[in-house]
Amino acid sequence: MGFGKHPHRDMEILSYVLSGALEHQDSTGTHGVIRPGEVQFMRAGRGVVHGEMNASKTESVHFLQVWIVPDHRGLEPLYDQRKLVFEQGWAKMAGEPGSIAIDSATVVRALQLAPGETAAPYVLSPGRRGYLYLAEGALEGGLARGDAGIYDAGERVEARAGSEGAHALFFDVPN
């Protein structure tokens, strides 16, 4: 079904659809449908009321929603929606050039791999840490659906999908 209209403030919110379609409507007049491979961003800022519902009456929707505390409070509400472009397994989602600008030093990427495919390594800079959440599939080395991996500064994040492929979100955050 979904979530009826409810308020938020001072939060950077990313919604990422894995399957199905998610319909969004908010008090700024924004209305949209998010489909697999798309990311929606909503800056709640000084306050917004929104609702999210399954866009289909017959198919289920599976999505991830990430809330990031912004660096500043009371910002103007903002909405953005983009189709992700995957290159060597990774897609820039938020917080870096070529992605959605958020009010945080956090970088968010999506990882999507076909069975047996290997992603390009991702190297964490000094003073940064990484968190990988595996939403679907499995990665060689023992990560299965619902598992997470934590990485320290300087580490190489390497990912090779198992026989069912893999779909994950990766967060590069300051220490």
N, C-alpha and C. Protein backbone atom coordinates (compact mmCIF):
# COMPACT_ATOMS: atom_id res chain seq x y z
N MET A 1 0.82 -1.18 0.00
CA MET A 1 0.00 0.00 0.00
C MET A 1 0.87 1.25 0.00
N GLY A 2 1.50 1.56 1.12
CA GLY A 2 2.34 2.75 1.18
C GLY A 2 2.18 3.51 2.47
N PHE A 3 2.61 4.75 2.43
CA PHE A 3 2.57 5.63 3.58
C PHE A 3 1.75 6.85 3.21
N GLY A 4 0.64 7.08 3.90
CA GLY A 4 -0.18 8.27 3.65
C GLY A 4 0.59 9.53 3.99
N LYS A 5 -0.02 10.66 3.79
CA LYS A 5 0.65 11.94 4.00
C LYS A 5 1.13 12.08 5.45
N HIS A 6 2.39 12.47 5.58
CA HIS A 6 3.02 12.64 6.89
C HIS A 6 4.13 13.68 6.77
N PRO A 7 4.48 14.36 7.87
CA PRO A 7 5.46 15.45 7.80
C PRO A 7 6.90 14.99 8.07
N HIS A 8 7.83 15.75 7.52
CA HIS A 8 9.27 15.60 7.78
C HIS A 8 9.87 16.99 7.80
N ARG A 9 11.02 17.11 8.48
CA ARG A 9 11.78 18.35 8.41
C ARG A 9 13.25 18.03 8.67
N ASP A 10 14.12 18.88 8.12
CA ASP A 10 15.56 18.79 8.33
C ASP A 10 16.09 17.37 8.13
N MET A 11 15.82 16.83 6.95
CA MET A 11 16.31 15.50 6.59
C MET A 11 16.52 15.45 5.09
N GLU A 12 17.60 14.81 4.65
CA GLU A 12 17.86 14.54 3.24
C GLU A 12 17.39 13.11 3.02
N ILE A 13 16.39 12.89 2.15
CA ILE A 13 15.77 11.57 2.00
C ILE A 13 15.94 11.07 0.57
N LEU A 14 16.54 9.89 0.44
CA LEU A 14 16.73 9.24 -0.85
C LEU A 14 15.85 8.00 -0.89
N SER A 15 15.08 7.84 -1.97
CA SER A 15 14.28 6.63 -2.18
C SER A 15 14.78 5.96 -3.44
N TYR A 16 15.02 4.65 -3.37
CA TYR A 16 15.60 3.89 -4.47
C TYR A 16 14.77 2.64 -4.68
N VAL A 17 14.16 2.51 -5.86
CA VAL A 17 13.27 1.40 -6.15
C VAL A 17 14.05 0.23 -6.75
N LEU A 18 13.87 -0.95 -6.15
CA LEU A 18 14.50 -2.17 -6.66
C LEU A 18 13.57 -2.89 -7.63
N SER A 19 12.26 -2.90 -7.33
CA SER A 19 11.28 -3.49 -8.24
C SER A 19 9.93 -2.82 -8.01
N GLY A 20 9.10 -2.85 -9.04
CA GLY A 20 7.80 -2.20 -8.96
C GLY A 20 7.92 -0.71 -9.22
N ALA A 21 6.99 0.07 -8.71
CA ALA A 21 6.98 1.52 -8.91
C ALA A 21 6.38 2.19 -7.67
N LEU A 22 6.99 3.32 -7.28
CA LEU A 22 6.58 4.05 -6.09
C LEU A 22 6.12 5.44 -6.50
N GLU A 23 4.91 5.79 -6.08
CA GLU A 23 4.36 7.11 -6.39
C GLU A 23 4.58 8.06 -5.21
N HIS A 24 5.01 9.27 -5.51
CA HIS A 24 5.31 10.28 -4.50
C HIS A 24 4.50 11.54 -4.78
N GLN A 25 4.00 12.16 -3.70
CA GLN A 25 3.31 13.44 -3.82
C GLN A 25 3.61 14.22 -2.54
N ASP A 26 3.92 15.54 -2.69
CA ASP A 26 4.23 16.31 -1.49
C ASP A 26 3.62 17.71 -1.52
N SER A 27 3.77 18.41 -0.40
CA SER A 27 3.15 19.73 -0.21
C SER A 27 3.79 20.83 -1.05
N THR A 28 4.90 20.55 -1.74
CA THR A 28 5.48 21.55 -2.64
C THR A 28 4.83 21.48 -4.02
N GLY A 29 3.90 20.50 -4.20
CA GLY A 29 3.24 20.32 -5.49
C GLY A 29 3.94 19.30 -6.36
N THR A 30 5.00 18.69 -5.86
CA THR A 30 5.73 17.69 -6.62
C THR A 30 4.97 16.37 -6.63
N HIS A 31 4.92 15.76 -7.79
CA HIS A 31 4.29 14.45 -7.96
C HIS A 31 5.13 13.67 -8.95
N GLY A 32 5.44 12.42 -8.62
CA GLY A 32 6.23 11.61 -9.53
C GLY A 32 6.11 10.14 -9.22
N VAL A 33 6.56 9.33 -10.17
CA VAL A 33 6.61 7.88 -10.01
C VAL A 33 8.06 7.45 -10.20
N ILE A 34 8.56 6.69 -9.24
CA ILE A 34 9.95 6.22 -9.28
C ILE A 34 9.92 4.75 -9.66
N ARG A 35 10.79 4.38 -10.62
CA ARG A 35 10.85 2.99 -11.10
C ARG A 35 12.25 2.42 -10.86
N PRO A 36 12.43 1.13 -11.06
CA PRO A 36 13.75 0.53 -10.84
C PRO A 36 14.84 1.28 -11.60
N GLY A 37 15.96 1.47 -10.90
CA GLY A 37 17.09 2.18 -11.50
C GLY A 37 17.01 3.68 -11.37
N GLU A 38 15.97 4.17 -10.68
CA GLU A 38 15.82 5.61 -10.47
C GLU A 38 15.97 5.92 -8.98
N VAL A 39 16.45 7.12 -8.70
CA VAL A 39 16.55 7.58 -7.33
C VAL A 39 15.76 8.88 -7.21
N GLN A 40 15.07 9.02 -6.10
CA GLN A 40 14.33 10.24 -5.82
C GLN A 40 14.96 10.87 -4.59
N PHE A 41 15.10 12.18 -4.64
CA PHE A 41 15.64 12.93 -3.51
C PHE A 41 14.60 13.93 -3.05
N MET A 42 14.40 13.98 -1.73
CA MET A 42 13.53 15.00 -1.16
C MET A 42 14.26 15.62 0.02
N ARG A 43 14.50 16.91 -0.07
CA ARG A 43 15.04 17.66 1.08
C ARG A 43 13.84 18.16 1.86
N ALA A 44 13.68 17.65 3.08
CA ALA A 44 12.55 18.07 3.89
C ALA A 44 12.76 19.49 4.43
N GLY A 45 14.02 19.88 4.64
CA GLY A 45 14.33 21.24 5.04
C GLY A 45 13.46 21.75 6.18
N ARG A 46 12.91 22.95 5.99
CA ARG A 46 12.12 23.55 7.08
C ARG A 46 10.72 22.95 7.20
N GLY A 47 10.43 21.95 6.39
CA GLY A 47 9.19 21.21 6.56
C GLY A 47 8.48 20.90 5.26
N VAL A 48 8.04 19.65 5.13
CA VAL A 48 7.28 19.21 3.97
C VAL A 48 6.36 18.07 4.43
N VAL A 49 5.21 17.98 3.80
CA VAL A 49 4.29 16.87 4.04
C VAL A 49 4.26 16.06 2.75
N HIS A 50 4.45 14.76 2.86
CA HIS A 50 4.45 13.94 1.65
C HIS A 50 3.83 12.57 1.92
N GLY A 51 3.52 11.89 0.83
CA GLY A 51 2.99 10.54 0.88
C GLY A 51 3.64 9.71 -0.20
N GLU A 52 3.78 8.42 0.08
CA GLU A 52 4.35 7.48 -0.88
C GLU A 52 3.44 6.25 -0.93
N MET A 53 3.09 5.88 -2.13
CA MET A 53 2.19 4.75 -2.31
C MET A 53 2.70 3.87 -3.43
N ASN A 54 2.34 2.60 -3.37
CA ASN A 54 2.62 1.70 -4.47
C ASN A 54 1.87 2.25 -5.69
N ALA A 55 2.56 2.42 -6.80
CA ALA A 55 1.94 2.98 -8.00
C ALA A 55 1.07 1.96 -8.74
N SER A 56 1.10 0.70 -8.31
CA SER A 56 0.33 -0.36 -8.97
C SER A 56 -0.67 -0.98 -8.00
N LYS A 57 -1.80 -1.37 -8.54
CA LYS A 57 -2.80 -2.07 -7.73
C LYS A 57 -2.59 -3.58 -7.76
N THR A 58 -1.71 -4.06 -8.66
CA THR A 58 -1.53 -5.51 -8.83
C THR A 58 -0.11 -6.00 -8.53
N GLU A 59 0.89 -5.14 -8.62
CA GLU A 59 2.28 -5.56 -8.40
C GLU A 59 2.81 -4.94 -7.11
N SER A 60 3.70 -5.66 -6.46
CA SER A 60 4.31 -5.12 -5.25
C SER A 60 5.46 -4.17 -5.62
N VAL A 61 5.85 -3.36 -4.65
CA VAL A 61 6.98 -2.46 -4.82
C VAL A 61 8.00 -2.78 -3.73
N HIS A 62 9.26 -2.82 -4.10
CA HIS A 62 10.36 -3.07 -3.16
C HIS A 62 11.32 -1.90 -3.31
N PHE A 63 11.48 -1.13 -2.24
CA PHE A 63 12.36 0.03 -2.33
C PHE A 63 13.12 0.22 -1.03
N LEU A 64 14.20 0.97 -1.13
CA LEU A 64 15.01 1.34 0.02
C LEU A 64 14.87 2.84 0.21
N GLN A 65 14.77 3.27 1.45
CA GLN A 65 14.73 4.70 1.72
C GLN A 65 15.81 5.02 2.75
N VAL A 66 16.61 6.02 2.42
CA VAL A 66 17.75 6.41 3.25
C VAL A 66 17.53 7.82 3.75
N TRP A 67 17.70 8.03 5.04
CA TRP A 67 17.58 9.35 5.65
C TRP A 67 18.96 9.79 6.10
N ILE A 68 19.37 10.95 5.66
CA ILE A 68 20.68 11.50 6.01
C ILE A 68 20.45 12.83 6.73
N VAL A 69 21.07 12.98 7.90
CA VAL A 69 20.97 14.24 8.64
C VAL A 69 21.78 15.30 7.88
N PRO A 70 21.16 16.43 7.53
CA PRO A 70 21.87 17.47 6.78
C PRO A 70 22.86 18.22 7.65
N ASP A 71 23.80 18.88 7.00
CA ASP A 71 24.77 19.72 7.72
C ASP A 71 24.15 21.01 8.22
N HIS A 72 23.05 21.44 7.59
CA HIS A 72 22.39 22.70 7.97
C HIS A 72 20.90 22.46 8.17
N ARG A 73 20.31 23.20 9.08
CA ARG A 73 18.87 23.08 9.36
C ARG A 73 18.11 24.22 8.68
N GLY A 74 16.82 23.99 8.45
CA GLY A 74 15.94 25.04 7.95
C GLY A 74 16.12 25.39 6.48
N LEU A 75 16.68 24.49 5.69
CA LEU A 75 16.87 24.76 4.26
C LEU A 75 15.53 24.71 3.52
N GLU A 76 15.51 25.29 2.35
CA GLU A 76 14.33 25.26 1.48
C GLU A 76 14.08 23.82 1.03
N PRO A 77 12.83 23.32 1.11
CA PRO A 77 12.54 21.98 0.60
C PRO A 77 12.92 21.87 -0.88
N LEU A 78 13.33 20.68 -1.29
CA LEU A 78 13.82 20.46 -2.65
C LEU A 78 13.49 19.04 -3.07
N TYR A 79 13.25 18.85 -4.36
CA TYR A 79 12.93 17.53 -4.92
C TYR A 79 13.77 17.31 -6.16
N ASP A 80 14.25 16.09 -6.37
CA ASP A 80 14.98 15.72 -7.58
C ASP A 80 14.73 14.24 -7.83
N GLN A 81 14.71 13.86 -9.08
CA GLN A 81 14.56 12.45 -9.45
C GLN A 81 15.43 12.19 -10.66
N ARG A 82 16.21 11.10 -10.64
CA ARG A 82 17.13 10.81 -11.73
C ARG A 82 17.20 9.32 -12.02
N LYS A 83 17.49 9.02 -13.26
CA LYS A 83 17.80 7.65 -13.69
C LYS A 83 19.29 7.45 -13.43
N LEU A 84 19.65 6.35 -12.80
CA LEU A 84 21.05 6.07 -12.51
C LEU A 84 21.74 5.45 -13.71
N VAL A 85 23.01 5.78 -13.87
CA VAL A 85 23.84 5.21 -14.94
C VAL A 85 24.92 4.38 -14.27
N PHE A 86 24.90 3.08 -14.53
CA PHE A 86 25.88 2.17 -13.93
C PHE A 86 27.08 2.02 -14.86
N GLU A 87 28.27 2.21 -14.28
CA GLU A 87 29.52 2.02 -15.00
C GLU A 87 30.43 1.14 -14.15
N GLN A 88 30.84 0.02 -14.68
CA GLN A 88 31.69 -0.93 -13.97
C GLN A 88 31.08 -1.33 -12.63
N GLY A 89 29.75 -1.47 -12.62
CA GLY A 89 29.04 -1.93 -11.44
C GLY A 89 28.49 -0.84 -10.54
N TRP A 90 29.04 0.36 -10.63
CA TRP A 90 28.66 1.46 -9.72
C TRP A 90 27.82 2.53 -10.42
N ALA A 91 26.93 3.16 -9.66
CA ALA A 91 26.20 4.34 -10.14
C ALA A 91 26.28 5.40 -9.05
N LYS A 92 26.64 6.62 -9.45
CA LYS A 92 26.67 7.74 -8.51
C LYS A 92 25.24 8.13 -8.19
N MET A 93 24.91 8.13 -6.89
CA MET A 93 23.55 8.44 -6.48
C MET A 93 23.47 9.85 -5.88
N ALA A 94 24.34 10.16 -4.91
CA ALA A 94 24.26 11.45 -4.23
C ALA A 94 25.60 11.82 -3.60
N GLY A 95 25.84 13.13 -3.51
CA GLY A 95 26.97 13.64 -2.75
C GLY A 95 28.29 13.76 -3.48
N GLU A 96 28.30 13.58 -4.80
CA GLU A 96 29.53 13.73 -5.56
C GLU A 96 29.19 14.29 -6.94
N PRO A 97 30.18 14.85 -7.64
CA PRO A 97 29.90 15.41 -8.96
C PRO A 97 29.21 14.38 -9.87
N GLY A 98 28.21 14.84 -10.60
CA GLY A 98 27.47 13.96 -11.49
C GLY A 98 26.33 13.22 -10.81
N SER A 99 26.03 13.62 -9.57
CA SER A 99 24.95 12.97 -8.83
C SER A 99 24.09 14.04 -8.16
N ILE A 100 23.12 13.60 -7.38
CA ILE A 100 22.26 14.53 -6.65
C ILE A 100 23.07 15.23 -5.57
N ALA A 101 22.96 16.56 -5.51
CA ALA A 101 23.66 17.34 -4.48
C ALA A 101 22.86 17.26 -3.18
N ILE A 102 23.52 16.84 -2.12
CA ILE A 102 22.88 16.80 -0.81
C ILE A 102 23.67 17.67 0.16
N ASP A 103 23.03 18.09 1.24
CA ASP A 103 23.68 18.93 2.24
C ASP A 103 24.33 18.04 3.30
N SER A 104 25.36 17.31 2.87
CA SER A 104 26.07 16.38 3.73
C SER A 104 27.37 15.98 3.05
N ALA A 105 28.36 15.60 3.83
CA ALA A 105 29.62 15.11 3.29
C ALA A 105 29.53 13.62 2.93
N THR A 106 28.35 13.05 3.01
CA THR A 106 28.12 11.65 2.66
C THR A 106 28.05 11.48 1.15
N VAL A 107 28.65 10.40 0.66
CA VAL A 107 28.55 9.99 -0.75
C VAL A 107 27.77 8.69 -0.77
N VAL A 108 26.78 8.62 -1.67
CA VAL A 108 25.97 7.40 -1.78
C VAL A 108 26.07 6.88 -3.20
N ARG A 109 26.36 5.60 -3.32
CA ARG A 109 26.40 4.93 -4.63
C ARG A 109 25.55 3.67 -4.59
N ALA A 110 25.05 3.30 -5.76
CA ALA A 110 24.37 2.02 -5.92
C ALA A 110 25.35 1.07 -6.59
N LEU A 111 25.25 -0.19 -6.26
CA LEU A 111 26.07 -1.24 -6.86
C LEU A 111 25.14 -2.28 -7.44
N GLN A 112 25.30 -2.57 -8.72
CA GLN A 112 24.46 -3.59 -9.34
C GLN A 112 25.35 -4.45 -10.23
N LEU A 113 25.32 -5.76 -9.96
CA LEU A 113 26.18 -6.70 -10.69
C LEU A 113 25.37 -7.89 -11.19
N ALA A 114 25.65 -8.31 -12.40
CA ALA A 114 25.07 -9.54 -12.95
C ALA A 114 25.80 -10.73 -12.32
N PRO A 115 25.24 -11.94 -12.41
CA PRO A 115 25.92 -13.10 -11.83
C PRO A 115 27.37 -13.21 -12.30
N GLY A 116 28.29 -13.35 -11.33
CA GLY A 116 29.71 -13.51 -11.63
C GLY A 116 30.45 -12.24 -12.01
N GLU A 117 29.75 -11.13 -12.16
CA GLU A 117 30.38 -9.86 -12.57
C GLU A 117 31.15 -9.24 -11.41
N THR A 118 32.26 -8.53 -11.75
CA THR A 118 33.08 -7.86 -10.75
C THR A 118 33.00 -6.35 -10.96
N ALA A 119 32.84 -5.62 -9.87
CA ALA A 119 32.81 -4.15 -9.95
C ALA A 119 34.22 -3.60 -9.93
N ALA A 120 34.38 -2.40 -10.47
CA ALA A 120 35.65 -1.70 -10.34
C ALA A 120 35.89 -1.44 -8.86
N PRO A 121 37.14 -1.55 -8.38
CA PRO A 121 37.40 -1.29 -6.96
C PRO A 121 37.07 0.16 -6.60
N TYR A 122 36.61 0.35 -5.38
CA TYR A 122 36.33 1.69 -4.85
C TYR A 122 37.27 1.86 -3.66
N VAL A 123 38.10 2.90 -3.69
CA VAL A 123 39.08 3.12 -2.63
C VAL A 123 38.62 4.27 -1.74
N LEU A 124 38.54 4.00 -0.45
CA LEU A 124 38.15 5.03 0.51
C LEU A 124 39.31 5.95 0.81
N SER A 125 39.06 7.23 0.79
CA SER A 125 40.07 8.26 1.07
C SER A 125 40.39 8.29 2.57
N PRO A 126 41.54 8.89 2.92
CA PRO A 126 41.84 9.06 4.35
C PRO A 126 40.72 9.85 5.04
N GLY A 127 40.42 9.48 6.28
CA GLY A 127 39.38 10.16 7.04
C GLY A 127 37.97 9.76 6.66
N ARG A 128 37.82 8.70 5.87
CA ARG A 128 36.50 8.24 5.43
C ARG A 128 36.30 6.78 5.84
N ARG A 129 35.04 6.39 5.94
CA ARG A 129 34.68 4.99 6.20
C ARG A 129 33.58 4.61 5.22
N GLY A 130 33.42 3.32 5.00
CA GLY A 130 32.40 2.85 4.08
C GLY A 130 31.47 1.85 4.72
N TYR A 131 30.23 1.84 4.23
CA TYR A 131 29.21 0.91 4.70
C TYR A 131 28.47 0.41 3.47
N LEU A 132 28.46 -0.90 3.26
CA LEU A 132 27.78 -1.50 2.12
C LEU A 132 26.61 -2.32 2.63
N TYR A 133 25.42 -2.04 2.13
CA TYR A 133 24.23 -2.81 2.48
C TYR A 133 23.78 -3.60 1.26
N LEU A 134 23.76 -4.92 1.37
CA LEU A 134 23.38 -5.79 0.26
C LEU A 134 21.87 -6.03 0.29
N ALA A 135 21.16 -5.44 -0.66
CA ALA A 135 19.69 -5.51 -0.70
C ALA A 135 19.20 -6.77 -1.40
N GLU A 136 19.94 -7.22 -2.41
CA GLU A 136 19.53 -8.40 -3.18
C GLU A 136 20.77 -9.19 -3.59
N GLY A 137 20.62 -10.51 -3.70
CA GLY A 137 21.68 -11.35 -4.21
C GLY A 137 22.74 -11.67 -3.17
N ALA A 138 23.96 -11.92 -3.68
CA ALA A 138 25.08 -12.28 -2.81
C ALA A 138 26.38 -11.82 -3.44
N LEU A 139 27.37 -11.58 -2.59
CA LEU A 139 28.71 -11.23 -3.03
C LEU A 139 29.68 -12.31 -2.58
N GLU A 140 30.66 -12.61 -3.41
CA GLU A 140 31.68 -13.57 -3.01
C GLU A 140 32.35 -13.06 -1.76
N GLY A 141 32.71 -13.96 -0.88
CA GLY A 141 33.31 -13.57 0.39
C GLY A 141 32.32 -13.69 1.54
N GLY A 142 31.07 -14.07 1.22
CA GLY A 142 30.13 -14.38 2.29
C GLY A 142 29.01 -13.40 2.55
N LEU A 143 28.91 -12.28 1.83
CA LEU A 143 27.79 -11.36 2.06
C LEU A 143 26.56 -11.84 1.30
N ALA A 144 25.43 -11.99 2.02
CA ALA A 144 24.17 -12.40 1.41
C ALA A 144 23.14 -11.30 1.63
N ARG A 145 22.00 -11.44 0.99
CA ARG A 145 20.92 -10.45 1.09
C ARG A 145 20.67 -10.06 2.56
N GLY A 146 20.65 -8.74 2.82
CA GLY A 146 20.41 -8.22 4.15
C GLY A 146 21.67 -8.02 4.97
N ASP A 147 22.82 -8.51 4.47
CA ASP A 147 24.09 -8.33 5.18
C ASP A 147 24.69 -6.97 4.87
N ALA A 148 25.66 -6.59 5.70
CA ALA A 148 26.36 -5.33 5.50
C ALA A 148 27.85 -5.55 5.72
N GLY A 149 28.64 -4.71 5.08
CA GLY A 149 30.08 -4.72 5.26
C GLY A 149 30.54 -3.33 5.65
N ILE A 150 31.54 -3.25 6.54
CA ILE A 150 32.09 -1.97 6.97
C ILE A 150 33.55 -1.92 6.53
N TYR A 151 33.96 -0.76 6.01
CA TYR A 151 35.30 -0.58 5.45
C TYR A 151 35.94 0.65 6.07
N ASP A 152 37.25 0.57 6.29
CA ASP A 152 38.01 1.68 6.88
C ASP A 152 38.74 2.48 5.81
N ALA A 153 39.20 3.67 6.19
CA ALA A 153 39.94 4.56 5.29
C ALA A 153 41.08 3.79 4.63
N GLY A 154 41.28 4.03 3.35
CA GLY A 154 42.35 3.40 2.59
C GLY A 154 42.01 2.02 2.05
N GLU A 155 40.95 1.41 2.55
CA GLU A 155 40.58 0.07 2.08
C GLU A 155 40.01 0.14 0.67
N ARG A 156 40.23 -0.94 -0.06
CA ARG A 156 39.63 -1.11 -1.39
C ARG A 156 38.35 -1.91 -1.22
N VAL A 157 37.26 -1.35 -1.67
CA VAL A 157 35.99 -2.07 -1.66
C VAL A 157 35.93 -2.84 -2.97
N GLU A 158 36.01 -4.15 -2.86
CA GLU A 158 35.98 -5.00 -4.05
C GLU A 158 34.75 -5.89 -3.96
N ALA A 159 34.04 -6.03 -5.07
CA ALA A 159 32.80 -6.79 -5.06
C ALA A 159 32.70 -7.64 -6.32
N ARG A 160 32.44 -8.92 -6.10
CA ARG A 160 32.16 -9.86 -7.19
C ARG A 160 30.89 -10.58 -6.81
N ALA A 161 29.92 -10.54 -7.74
CA ALA A 161 28.60 -11.14 -7.48
C ALA A 161 28.65 -12.65 -7.52
N GLY A 162 27.80 -13.25 -6.72
CA GLY A 162 27.62 -14.69 -6.75
C GLY A 162 26.73 -15.09 -7.92
N SER A 163 26.19 -16.28 -7.86
CA SER A 163 25.44 -16.85 -8.99
C SER A 163 24.09 -16.16 -9.24
N GLU A 164 23.60 -15.40 -8.27
CA GLU A 164 22.31 -14.71 -8.47
C GLU A 164 22.46 -13.22 -8.73
N GLY A 165 23.69 -12.73 -8.85
CA GLY A 165 23.91 -11.30 -9.03
C GLY A 165 23.88 -10.60 -7.68
N ALA A 166 23.96 -9.27 -7.70
CA ALA A 166 23.96 -8.51 -6.45
C ALA A 166 23.47 -7.09 -6.70
N HIS A 167 22.82 -6.55 -5.69
CA HIS A 167 22.31 -5.18 -5.74
C HIS A 167 22.50 -4.59 -4.34
N ALA A 168 23.26 -3.49 -4.24
CA ALA A 168 23.59 -2.93 -2.93
C ALA A 168 23.61 -1.42 -2.97
N LEU A 169 23.59 -0.82 -1.78
CA LEU A 169 23.85 0.60 -1.62
C LEU A 169 25.15 0.72 -0.83
N PHE A 170 25.97 1.72 -1.21
CA PHE A 170 27.25 1.94 -0.54
C PHE A 170 27.31 3.39 -0.06
N PHE A 171 27.73 3.56 1.20
CA PHE A 171 27.81 4.86 1.82
C PHE A 171 29.27 5.15 2.18
N ASP A 172 29.80 6.24 1.67
CA ASP A 172 31.15 6.71 1.97
C ASP A 172 30.96 7.94 2.87
N VAL A 173 31.36 7.81 4.14
CA VAL A 173 31.06 8.83 5.13
C VAL A 173 32.33 9.31 5.84
N PRO A 174 32.32 10.55 6.37
CA PRO A 174 33.48 10.99 7.15
C PRO A 174 33.61 10.19 8.45
N ASN A 175 34.85 10.02 8.90
CA ASN A 175 35.08 9.32 10.18
C ASN A 175 34.43 10.05 11.31
